[in-house]
Amino acid sequence: VTAALSDFAAAALDGALGFLLRRLHQRGNLVLADPERPTERCGYLVLGMGKLGAGELNYSSDVDLIVLYDPERIDCRHKRGTAETMIRLTRDLVQLLEERTGEGYVCRTDLRLRPDPGAMPLAISFNAAMTYYESLGQNWERAAMIKARPVAGDRQLGAQFLREIRPFIEFFVQTQQLIFGGRNPELRTPETLAALHGLQAFGQIGAAAVRDLEAAYHYLRRLEHRLQMVADQQTHRLPEDAAGIERLAAFFGAPDAESFRAELLGHLERVEEHYAEL
């Protein structure tokens, strides 16, 4: 489910961006390399971060994005110039995805993971982003890049950015000892379960921990989906009343509320036990 939701979000982003780029081209504000395939070599990149980047979206997850562009790859003809045109394009993209109609909306977006969101524009030039991560980026910002992947726009630009940013990510992983060793490629995966098995292969956790944590991960993610499907809210809180728990248990497919509580507590207790052993 999480992979399908992530694939849908990426396809929606790419489709919406293609529509907006083609419109700019038709209005004479931008010259595309290939109007039939507007996102190819367009010089505009959308990176999926967090759960989208890892392919682990929930039903009601916000979609974390960073938008970059390379002025050298963009043939902008608008009087506003390339930078302002890319910023307006990003605003239009967000509006297209978040606008609520009689049929609902596509997804909520969050661009606050970009470098220095209080000062930086919504769309950042490639060179400005590289300079930031090289000289000013915080450790948590470099860590966030572990899950980054191109989800819309110029994939060649995305591959170049991730290739050039990787040394900064590896530095963070090694110095902070995230996931026990930045030199082991098995531990650099953005996928939670793949990283879990990588930790086992690297000798950091045992087979029992992998079994229990993987089972808990699947159970809790499935529960998280059910919670968010009830009212399309990004929540992780269980109902506080008995009737709410009973309804959730039925929706979850449990025989009754008591067995639901027992299974949930069992998973949580096993996770706590393994966490205490770290």
C-alpha atoms as a PDB file:
ATOM      1  CA  VAL A   1       0.000   0.000   0.000  1.00  0.00           C
ATOM      2  CA  THR A   2       2.712   2.501   0.943  1.00  0.00           C
ATOM      3  CA  ALA A   3       4.587   1.912  -2.309  1.00  0.00           C
ATOM      4  CA  ALA A   4       1.393   2.286  -4.381  1.00  0.00           C
ATOM      5  CA  LEU A   5       0.495   5.551  -2.618  1.00  0.00           C
ATOM      6  CA  SER A   6       4.015   6.853  -3.183  1.00  0.00           C
ATOM      7  CA  ASP A   7       3.952   5.871  -6.855  1.00  0.00           C
ATOM      8  CA  PHE A   8       0.610   7.626  -7.267  1.00  0.00           C
ATOM      9  CA  ALA A   9       1.896  10.814  -5.625  1.00  0.00           C
ATOM     10  CA  ALA A  10       4.997  10.811  -7.855  1.00  0.00           C
ATOM     11  CA  ALA A  11       2.891  10.240 -10.983  1.00  0.00           C
ATOM     12  CA  ALA A  12       0.507  13.038  -9.968  1.00  0.00           C
ATOM     13  CA  LEU A  13       3.416  15.406  -9.374  1.00  0.00           C
ATOM     14  CA  ASP A  14       5.006  14.600 -12.709  1.00  0.00           C
ATOM     15  CA  GLY A  15       1.694  14.897 -14.549  1.00  0.00           C
ATOM     16  CA  ALA A  16       0.825  18.220 -12.921  1.00  0.00           C
ATOM     17  CA  LEU A  17       4.292  19.599 -13.607  1.00  0.00           C
ATOM     18  CA  GLY A  18       4.113  18.476 -17.237  1.00  0.00           C
ATOM     19  CA  PHE A  19       0.802  20.294 -17.652  1.00  0.00           C
ATOM     20  CA  LEU A  20       2.193  23.523 -16.198  1.00  0.00           C
ATOM     21  CA  LEU A  21       5.419  23.366 -18.218  1.00  0.00           C
ATOM     22  CA  ARG A  22       3.507  22.782 -21.443  1.00  0.00           C
ATOM     23  CA  ARG A  23       1.284  25.761 -20.634  1.00  0.00           C
ATOM     24  CA  LEU A  24       4.323  27.996 -20.136  1.00  0.00           C
ATOM     25  CA  HIS A  25       5.706  26.759 -23.437  1.00  0.00           C
ATOM     26  CA  GLN A  26       2.447  27.418 -25.284  1.00  0.00           C
ATOM     27  CA  ARG A  27       2.325  30.952 -23.868  1.00  0.00           C
ATOM     28  CA  GLY A  28       5.841  31.649 -25.093  1.00  0.00           C
ATOM     29  CA  ASN A  29       7.233  32.065 -21.576  1.00  0.00           C
ATOM     30  CA  LEU A  30       9.459  28.991 -21.763  1.00  0.00           C
ATOM     31  CA  VAL A  31      11.011  26.930 -24.558  1.00  0.00           C
ATOM     32  CA  LEU A  32      10.976  23.213 -23.783  1.00  0.00           C
ATOM     33  CA  ALA A  33      13.509  20.765 -25.163  1.00  0.00           C
ATOM     34  CA  ASP A  34      10.665  18.373 -26.044  1.00  0.00           C
ATOM     35  CA  PRO A  35       7.115  19.783 -25.755  1.00  0.00           C
ATOM     36  CA  GLU A  36       5.660  16.293 -26.220  1.00  0.00           C
ATOM     37  CA  ARG A  37       7.550  15.146 -23.123  1.00  0.00           C
ATOM     38  CA  PRO A  38       7.686  18.413 -21.184  1.00  0.00           C
ATOM     39  CA  THR A  39       9.497  17.218 -18.060  1.00  0.00           C
ATOM     40  CA  GLU A  40      12.448  15.696 -19.934  1.00  0.00           C
ATOM     41  CA  ARG A  41      15.569  17.881 -19.773  1.00  0.00           C
ATOM     42  CA  CYS A  42      13.405  20.741 -18.498  1.00  0.00           C
ATOM     43  CA  GLY A  43      15.943  21.900 -15.894  1.00  0.00           C
ATOM     44  CA  TYR A  44      13.332  21.788 -13.105  1.00  0.00           C
ATOM     45  CA  LEU A  45      13.477  19.045 -10.477  1.00  0.00           C
ATOM     46  CA  VAL A  46      11.148  17.918  -7.699  1.00  0.00           C
ATOM     47  CA  LEU A  47      12.783  15.803  -5.005  1.00  0.00           C
ATOM     48  CA  GLY A  48      10.598  13.591  -2.851  1.00  0.00           C
ATOM     49  CA  MET A  49      11.715  13.642   0.774  1.00  0.00           C
ATOM     50  CA  GLY A  50      10.749  11.722   3.898  1.00  0.00           C
ATOM     51  CA  LYS A  51       8.123   9.052   3.380  1.00  0.00           C
ATOM     52  CA  LEU A  52       7.623   9.932  -0.266  1.00  0.00           C
ATOM     53  CA  GLY A  53      11.337   9.619  -0.951  1.00  0.00           C
ATOM     54  CA  ALA A  54      11.427   6.263   0.816  1.00  0.00           C
ATOM     55  CA  GLY A  55       8.272   5.026  -0.930  1.00  0.00           C
ATOM     56  CA  GLU A  56       6.427   4.757   2.378  1.00  0.00           C
ATOM     57  CA  LEU A  57       3.550   7.273   2.175  1.00  0.00           C
ATOM     58  CA  ASN A  58       0.477   6.883   4.359  1.00  0.00           C
ATOM     59  CA  TYR A  59      -3.053   7.589   3.196  1.00  0.00           C
ATOM     60  CA  SER A  60      -3.003  11.078   4.672  1.00  0.00           C
ATOM     61  CA  SER A  61       0.692  11.922   4.636  1.00  0.00           C
ATOM     62  CA  ASP A  62       1.853  15.362   3.677  1.00  0.00           C
ATOM     63  CA  VAL A  63       4.124  15.119   0.638  1.00  0.00           C
ATOM     64  CA  ASP A  64       7.549  16.543   1.547  1.00  0.00           C
ATOM     65  CA  LEU A  65       9.249  18.159  -1.439  1.00  0.00           C
ATOM     66  CA  ILE A  66      12.344  20.149  -2.367  1.00  0.00           C
ATOM     67  CA  VAL A  67      12.299  21.993  -5.698  1.00  0.00           C
ATOM     68  CA  LEU A  68      15.537  22.766  -7.553  1.00  0.00           C
ATOM     69  CA  TYR A  69      16.266  24.215 -10.965  1.00  0.00           C
ATOM     70  CA  ASP A  70      19.322  24.745 -13.154  1.00  0.00           C
ATOM     71  CA  PRO A  71      19.216  28.116 -14.994  1.00  0.00           C
ATOM     72  CA  GLU A  72      21.695  26.814 -17.566  1.00  0.00           C
ATOM     73  CA  ARG A  73      19.211  24.148 -18.682  1.00  0.00           C
ATOM     74  CA  ILE A  74      16.186  26.467 -18.860  1.00  0.00           C
ATOM     75  CA  ASP A  75      15.349  28.627 -21.854  1.00  0.00           C
ATOM     76  CA  CYS A  76      13.156  31.166 -20.100  1.00  0.00           C
ATOM     77  CA  ARG A  77      11.592  33.903 -22.218  1.00  0.00           C
ATOM     78  CA  HIS A  78       9.422  35.535 -19.562  1.00  0.00           C
ATOM     79  CA  LYS A  79      10.199  39.121 -18.615  1.00  0.00           C
ATOM     80  CA  ARG A  80      10.253  38.112 -14.933  1.00  0.00           C
ATOM     81  CA  GLY A  81      13.388  36.060 -15.477  1.00  0.00           C
ATOM     82  CA  THR A  82      14.217  32.447 -14.694  1.00  0.00           C
ATOM     83  CA  ALA A  83      14.275  32.600 -10.887  1.00  0.00           C
ATOM     84  CA  GLU A  84      10.883  34.282 -10.489  1.00  0.00           C
ATOM     85  CA  THR A  85       9.340  32.090 -13.185  1.00  0.00           C
ATOM     86  CA  MET A  86      10.477  28.937 -11.388  1.00  0.00           C
ATOM     87  CA  ILE A  87       9.123  30.215  -8.069  1.00  0.00           C
ATOM     88  CA  ARG A  88       5.737  30.971  -9.649  1.00  0.00           C
ATOM     89  CA  LEU A  89       5.764  27.581 -11.339  1.00  0.00           C
ATOM     90  CA  THR A  90       6.266  25.972  -7.932  1.00  0.00           C
ATOM     91  CA  ARG A  91       3.386  27.941  -6.428  1.00  0.00           C
ATOM     92  CA  ASP A  92       1.155  26.854  -9.305  1.00  0.00           C
ATOM     93  CA  LEU A  93       2.226  23.237  -8.814  1.00  0.00           C
ATOM     94  CA  VAL A  94       1.359  23.343  -5.111  1.00  0.00           C
ATOM     95  CA  GLN A  95      -1.995  24.992  -5.833  1.00  0.00           C
ATOM     96  CA  LEU A  96      -2.857  22.393  -8.470  1.00  0.00           C
ATOM     97  CA  LEU A  97      -2.157  19.553  -6.039  1.00  0.00           C
ATOM     98  CA  GLU A  98      -3.837  21.071  -2.980  1.00  0.00           C
ATOM     99  CA  GLU A  99      -6.870  22.751  -4.532  1.00  0.00           C
ATOM    100  CA  ARG A 100     -10.080  21.241  -3.175  1.00  0.00           C
ATOM    101  CA  THR A 101     -12.869  20.593  -5.660  1.00  0.00           C
ATOM    102  CA  GLY A 102     -16.064  18.562  -5.614  1.00  0.00           C
ATOM    103  CA  GLU A 103     -13.886  15.516  -6.297  1.00  0.00           C
ATOM    104  CA  GLY A 104     -11.490  16.216  -3.440  1.00  0.00           C
ATOM    105  CA  TYR A 105      -7.806  17.075  -3.781  1.00  0.00           C
ATOM    106  CA  VAL A 106      -4.629  15.291  -4.831  1.00  0.00           C
ATOM    107  CA  CYS A 107      -2.317  15.721  -1.832  1.00  0.00           C
ATOM    108  CA  ARG A 108      -1.035  18.172   0.748  1.00  0.00           C
ATOM    109  CA  THR A 109       2.485  19.419   0.100  1.00  0.00           C
ATOM    110  CA  ASP A 110       5.198  20.618   2.447  1.00  0.00           C
ATOM    111  CA  LEU A 111       8.289  22.421   1.146  1.00  0.00           C
ATOM    112  CA  ARG A 112       9.826  23.250   4.531  1.00  0.00           C
ATOM    113  CA  LEU A 113      12.624  20.688   4.182  1.00  0.00           C
ATOM    114  CA  ARG A 114      14.345  22.918   1.620  1.00  0.00           C
ATOM    115  CA  PRO A 115      17.508  24.731   2.713  1.00  0.00           C
ATOM    116  CA  ASP A 116      16.787  27.556   5.156  1.00  0.00           C
ATOM    117  CA  PRO A 117      13.034  27.712   4.441  1.00  0.00           C
ATOM    118  CA  GLY A 118      12.640  30.990   6.298  1.00  0.00           C
ATOM    119  CA  ALA A 119      14.930  32.771   3.846  1.00  0.00           C
ATOM    120  CA  MET A 120      15.159  30.637   0.714  1.00  0.00           C
ATOM    121  CA  PRO A 121      12.515  30.815  -2.059  1.00  0.00           C
ATOM    122  CA  LEU A 122      10.242  27.869  -2.859  1.00  0.00           C
ATOM    123  CA  ALA A 123      12.412  26.938  -5.847  1.00  0.00           C
ATOM    124  CA  ILE A 124      16.200  27.014  -5.364  1.00  0.00           C
ATOM    125  CA  SER A 125      18.916  27.041  -7.986  1.00  0.00           C
ATOM    126  CA  PHE A 126      21.139  23.985  -8.232  1.00  0.00           C
ATOM    127  CA  ASN A 127      24.311  25.899  -7.340  1.00  0.00           C
ATOM    128  CA  ALA A 128      22.688  27.662  -4.382  1.00  0.00           C
ATOM    129  CA  ALA A 129      21.559  24.314  -2.965  1.00  0.00           C
ATOM    130  CA  MET A 130      24.997  22.762  -3.378  1.00  0.00           C
ATOM    131  CA  THR A 131      26.675  25.745  -1.727  1.00  0.00           C
ATOM    132  CA  TYR A 132      24.246  25.562   1.181  1.00  0.00           C
ATOM    133  CA  TYR A 133      24.741  21.854   1.889  1.00  0.00           C
ATOM    134  CA  GLU A 134      28.498  22.172   1.537  1.00  0.00           C
ATOM    135  CA  SER A 135      28.975  25.119   3.890  1.00  0.00           C
ATOM    136  CA  LEU A 136      25.848  25.779   5.979  1.00  0.00           C
ATOM    137  CA  GLY A 137      23.779  22.595   6.026  1.00  0.00           C
ATOM    138  CA  GLN A 138      22.896  21.159   9.414  1.00  0.00           C
ATOM    139  CA  ASN A 139      23.397  17.482  10.225  1.00  0.00           C
ATOM    140  CA  TRP A 140      19.644  16.800  10.228  1.00  0.00           C
ATOM    141  CA  GLU A 141      19.373  18.364   6.775  1.00  0.00           C
ATOM    142  CA  ARG A 142      22.096  16.107   5.431  1.00  0.00           C
ATOM    143  CA  ALA A 143      20.404  13.159   7.119  1.00  0.00           C
ATOM    144  CA  ALA A 144      17.114  14.039   5.398  1.00  0.00           C
ATOM    145  CA  MET A 145      18.894  13.660   2.048  1.00  0.00           C
ATOM    146  CA  ILE A 146      19.332   9.933   2.709  1.00  0.00           C
ATOM    147  CA  LYS A 147      15.694   9.467   1.677  1.00  0.00           C
ATOM    148  CA  ALA A 148      15.687  11.952  -1.199  1.00  0.00           C
ATOM    149  CA  ARG A 149      14.773  10.763  -4.698  1.00  0.00           C
ATOM    150  CA  PRO A 150      13.673  12.508  -7.898  1.00  0.00           C
ATOM    151  CA  VAL A 151       9.890  12.159  -8.257  1.00  0.00           C
ATOM    152  CA  ALA A 152       9.061  14.703 -10.974  1.00  0.00           C
ATOM    153  CA  GLY A 153      10.749  16.850 -13.562  1.00  0.00           C
ATOM    154  CA  ASP A 154      14.273  16.557 -14.940  1.00  0.00           C
ATOM    155  CA  ARG A 155      15.566  13.132 -13.871  1.00  0.00           C
ATOM    156  CA  GLN A 156      19.045  13.810 -15.266  1.00  0.00           C
ATOM    157  CA  LEU A 157      19.316  16.882 -13.051  1.00  0.00           C
ATOM    158  CA  GLY A 158      18.083  14.778 -10.127  1.00  0.00           C
ATOM    159  CA  ALA A 159      20.735  12.116 -10.686  1.00  0.00           C
ATOM    160  CA  GLN A 160      23.424  14.784 -10.881  1.00  0.00           C
ATOM    161  CA  PHE A 161      22.280  16.471  -7.674  1.00  0.00           C
ATOM    162  CA  LEU A 162      22.168  13.229  -5.666  1.00  0.00           C
ATOM    163  CA  ARG A 163      25.555  12.205  -7.041  1.00  0.00           C
ATOM    164  CA  GLU A 164      27.117  15.503  -5.975  1.00  0.00           C
ATOM    165  CA  ILE A 165      25.332  15.688  -2.610  1.00  0.00           C
ATOM    166  CA  ARG A 166      26.230  12.115  -1.610  1.00  0.00           C
ATOM    167  CA  PRO A 167      29.638  12.984  -0.063  1.00  0.00           C
ATOM    168  CA  PHE A 168      27.894  15.314   2.411  1.00  0.00           C
ATOM    169  CA  ILE A 169      25.375  12.582   3.288  1.00  0.00           C
ATOM    170  CA  GLU A 170      28.107  10.008   3.778  1.00  0.00           C
ATOM    171  CA  PHE A 171      30.022  12.402   6.016  1.00  0.00           C
ATOM    172  CA  PHE A 172      27.001  12.741   8.250  1.00  0.00           C
ATOM    173  CA  VAL A 173      26.379   8.990   8.327  1.00  0.00           C
ATOM    174  CA  GLN A 174      29.983   8.240   9.221  1.00  0.00           C
ATOM    175  CA  THR A 175      30.509  10.917  11.837  1.00  0.00           C
ATOM    176  CA  GLN A 176      27.173  10.425  13.574  1.00  0.00           C
ATOM    177  CA  GLN A 177      27.289   6.652  13.116  1.00  0.00           C
ATOM    178  CA  LEU A 178      23.806   6.612  11.727  1.00  0.00           C
ATOM    179  CA  ILE A 179      22.786   3.064  10.931  1.00  0.00           C
ATOM    180  CA  PHE A 180      26.171   1.793  12.128  1.00  0.00           C
ATOM    181  CA  GLY A 181      28.572   2.543   9.358  1.00  0.00           C
ATOM    182  CA  GLY A 182      28.444   4.865   6.398  1.00  0.00           C
ATOM    183  CA  ARG A 183      30.796   2.677   4.367  1.00  0.00           C
ATOM    184  CA  ASN A 184      28.406  -0.250   4.056  1.00  0.00           C
ATOM    185  CA  PRO A 185      26.169   0.284   0.998  1.00  0.00           C
ATOM    186  CA  GLU A 186      23.484  -2.021   2.397  1.00  0.00           C
ATOM    187  CA  LEU A 187      22.863   0.516   5.142  1.00  0.00           C
ATOM    188  CA  ARG A 188      22.399   3.508   2.839  1.00  0.00           C
ATOM    189  CA  THR A 189      19.009   2.458   1.577  1.00  0.00           C
ATOM    190  CA  PRO A 190      16.133   4.869   2.245  1.00  0.00           C
ATOM    191  CA  GLU A 191      13.717   1.973   2.805  1.00  0.00           C
ATOM    192  CA  THR A 192      13.102   1.153   6.463  1.00  0.00           C
ATOM    193  CA  LEU A 193      12.802  -2.619   6.123  1.00  0.00           C
ATOM    194  CA  ALA A 194      15.754  -2.899   3.753  1.00  0.00           C
ATOM    195  CA  ALA A 195      17.849  -0.948   6.263  1.00  0.00           C
ATOM    196  CA  LEU A 196      16.658  -3.279   9.017  1.00  0.00           C
ATOM    197  CA  HIS A 197      17.871  -6.332   7.116  1.00  0.00           C
ATOM    198  CA  GLY A 198      21.080  -4.496   6.306  1.00  0.00           C
ATOM    199  CA  LEU A 199      21.685  -3.978  10.018  1.00  0.00           C
ATOM    200  CA  GLN A 200      21.278  -7.706  10.533  1.00  0.00           C
ATOM    201  CA  ALA A 201      23.715  -8.488   7.713  1.00  0.00           C
ATOM    202  CA  PHE A 202      26.160  -6.033   9.255  1.00  0.00           C
ATOM    203  CA  GLY A 203      25.901  -7.845  12.599  1.00  0.00           C
ATOM    204  CA  GLN A 204      24.259  -5.032  14.545  1.00  0.00           C
ATOM    205  CA  ILE A 205      20.963  -6.791  15.352  1.00  0.00           C
ATOM    206  CA  GLY A 206      19.872 -10.401  15.544  1.00  0.00           C
ATOM    207  CA  ALA A 207      17.337 -12.426  13.599  1.00  0.00           C
ATOM    208  CA  ALA A 208      14.780 -12.271  16.419  1.00  0.00           C
ATOM    209  CA  ALA A 209      14.922  -8.473  16.463  1.00  0.00           C
ATOM    210  CA  VAL A 210      14.461  -8.321  12.691  1.00  0.00           C
ATOM    211  CA  ARG A 211      11.504 -10.698  12.872  1.00  0.00           C
ATOM    212  CA  ASP A 212       9.777  -8.793  15.676  1.00  0.00           C
ATOM    213  CA  LEU A 213      10.500  -5.326  14.319  1.00  0.00           C
ATOM    214  CA  GLU A 214       9.462  -6.203  10.780  1.00  0.00           C
ATOM    215  CA  ALA A 215       6.190  -7.675  12.038  1.00  0.00           C
ATOM    216  CA  ALA A 216       5.575  -4.606  14.196  1.00  0.00           C
ATOM    217  CA  TYR A 217       6.397  -2.290  11.303  1.00  0.00           C
ATOM    218  CA  HIS A 218       3.835  -3.948   9.013  1.00  0.00           C
ATOM    219  CA  TYR A 219       1.218  -4.031  11.780  1.00  0.00           C
ATOM    220  CA  LEU A 220       1.696  -0.430  12.875  1.00  0.00           C
ATOM    221  CA  ARG A 221       1.818   0.942   9.347  1.00  0.00           C
ATOM    222  CA  ARG A 222      -1.436  -0.873   8.547  1.00  0.00           C
ATOM    223  CA  LEU A 223      -2.961   0.568  11.719  1.00  0.00           C
ATOM    224  CA  GLU A 224      -1.667   4.025  10.796  1.00  0.00           C
ATOM    225  CA  HIS A 225      -3.420   3.766   7.426  1.00  0.00           C
ATOM    226  CA  ARG A 226      -6.723   2.842   9.051  1.00  0.00           C
ATOM    227  CA  LEU A 227      -6.496   5.736  11.503  1.00  0.00           C
ATOM    228  CA  GLN A 228      -5.868   8.221   8.707  1.00  0.00           C
ATOM    229  CA  MET A 229      -8.541   6.811   6.404  1.00  0.00           C
ATOM    230  CA  VAL A 230     -11.309   7.532   8.938  1.00  0.00           C
ATOM    231  CA  ALA A 231     -11.367  11.299   8.421  1.00  0.00           C
ATOM    232  CA  ASP A 232      -8.471  11.899   5.997  1.00  0.00           C
ATOM    233  CA  GLN A 233      -6.371  13.397   8.779  1.00  0.00           C
ATOM    234  CA  GLN A 234      -2.660  12.977   9.414  1.00  0.00           C
ATOM    235  CA  THR A 235      -3.063  11.488  12.868  1.00  0.00           C
ATOM    236  CA  HIS A 236      -1.378   8.783  14.897  1.00  0.00           C
ATOM    237  CA  ARG A 237      -3.693   8.937  17.901  1.00  0.00           C
ATOM    238  CA  LEU A 238      -5.939   6.073  18.892  1.00  0.00           C
ATOM    239  CA  PRO A 239      -9.543   6.821  19.888  1.00  0.00           C
ATOM    240  CA  GLU A 240      -9.829   7.695  23.566  1.00  0.00           C
ATOM    241  CA  ASP A 241     -13.221   6.113  24.182  1.00  0.00           C
ATOM    242  CA  ALA A 242     -14.252   2.451  24.212  1.00  0.00           C
ATOM    243  CA  ALA A 243     -16.718   2.870  21.347  1.00  0.00           C
ATOM    244  CA  GLY A 244     -14.024   4.428  19.175  1.00  0.00           C
ATOM    245  CA  ILE A 245     -11.647   1.536  19.894  1.00  0.00           C
ATOM    246  CA  GLU A 246     -14.366  -0.962  19.008  1.00  0.00           C
ATOM    247  CA  ARG A 247     -15.031   0.770  15.696  1.00  0.00           C
ATOM    248  CA  LEU A 248     -11.319   0.902  14.899  1.00  0.00           C
ATOM    249  CA  ALA A 249     -10.888  -2.768  15.814  1.00  0.00           C
ATOM    250  CA  ALA A 250     -13.700  -3.725  13.439  1.00  0.00           C
ATOM    251  CA  PHE A 251     -12.268  -1.538  10.672  1.00  0.00           C
ATOM    252  CA  PHE A 252      -8.859  -3.098  11.273  1.00  0.00           C
ATOM    253  CA  GLY A 253     -10.298  -6.588  10.931  1.00  0.00           C
ATOM    254  CA  ALA A 254      -9.760  -7.696  14.533  1.00  0.00           C
ATOM    255  CA  PRO A 255     -12.267 -10.135  16.081  1.00  0.00           C
ATOM    256  CA  ASP A 256     -13.042  -7.693  18.907  1.00  0.00           C
ATOM    257  CA  ALA A 257     -11.634  -4.753  20.819  1.00  0.00           C
ATOM    258  CA  GLU A 258      -9.920  -6.878  23.460  1.00  0.00           C
ATOM    259  CA  SER A 259      -7.952  -8.967  20.960  1.00  0.00           C
ATOM    260  CA  PHE A 260      -7.054  -5.761  19.091  1.00  0.00           C
ATOM    261  CA  ARG A 261      -5.625  -4.242  22.289  1.00  0.00           C
ATOM    262  CA  ALA A 262      -3.690  -7.399  23.107  1.00  0.00           C
ATOM    263  CA  GLU A 263      -2.096  -7.646  19.661  1.00  0.00           C
ATOM    264  CA  LEU A 264      -1.205  -3.954  19.583  1.00  0.00           C
ATOM    265  CA  LEU A 265       0.339  -4.014  23.056  1.00  0.00           C
ATOM    266  CA  GLY A 266       2.279  -7.154  22.173  1.00  0.00           C
ATOM    267  CA  HIS A 267       3.926  -5.442  19.233  1.00  0.00           C
ATOM    268  CA  LEU A 268       4.665  -2.292  21.215  1.00  0.00           C
ATOM    269  CA  GLU A 269       6.209  -4.241  24.080  1.00  0.00           C
ATOM    270  CA  ARG A 270       8.484  -6.212  21.753  1.00  0.00           C
ATOM    271  CA  VAL A 271       9.621  -3.011  20.047  1.00  0.00           C
ATOM    272  CA  GLU A 272      10.358  -1.470  23.448  1.00  0.00           C
ATOM    273  CA  GLU A 273      12.383  -4.520  24.493  1.00  0.00           C
ATOM    274  CA  HIS A 274      14.577  -4.409  21.402  1.00  0.00           C
ATOM    275  CA  TYR A 275      14.991  -0.654  21.678  1.00  0.00           C
ATOM    276  CA  ALA A 276      16.189  -1.036  25.276  1.00  0.00           C
ATOM    277  CA  GLU A 277      18.922  -3.394  24.066  1.00  0.00           C
ATOM    278  CA  LEU A 278      20.492  -0.820  21.741  1.00  0.00           C
END
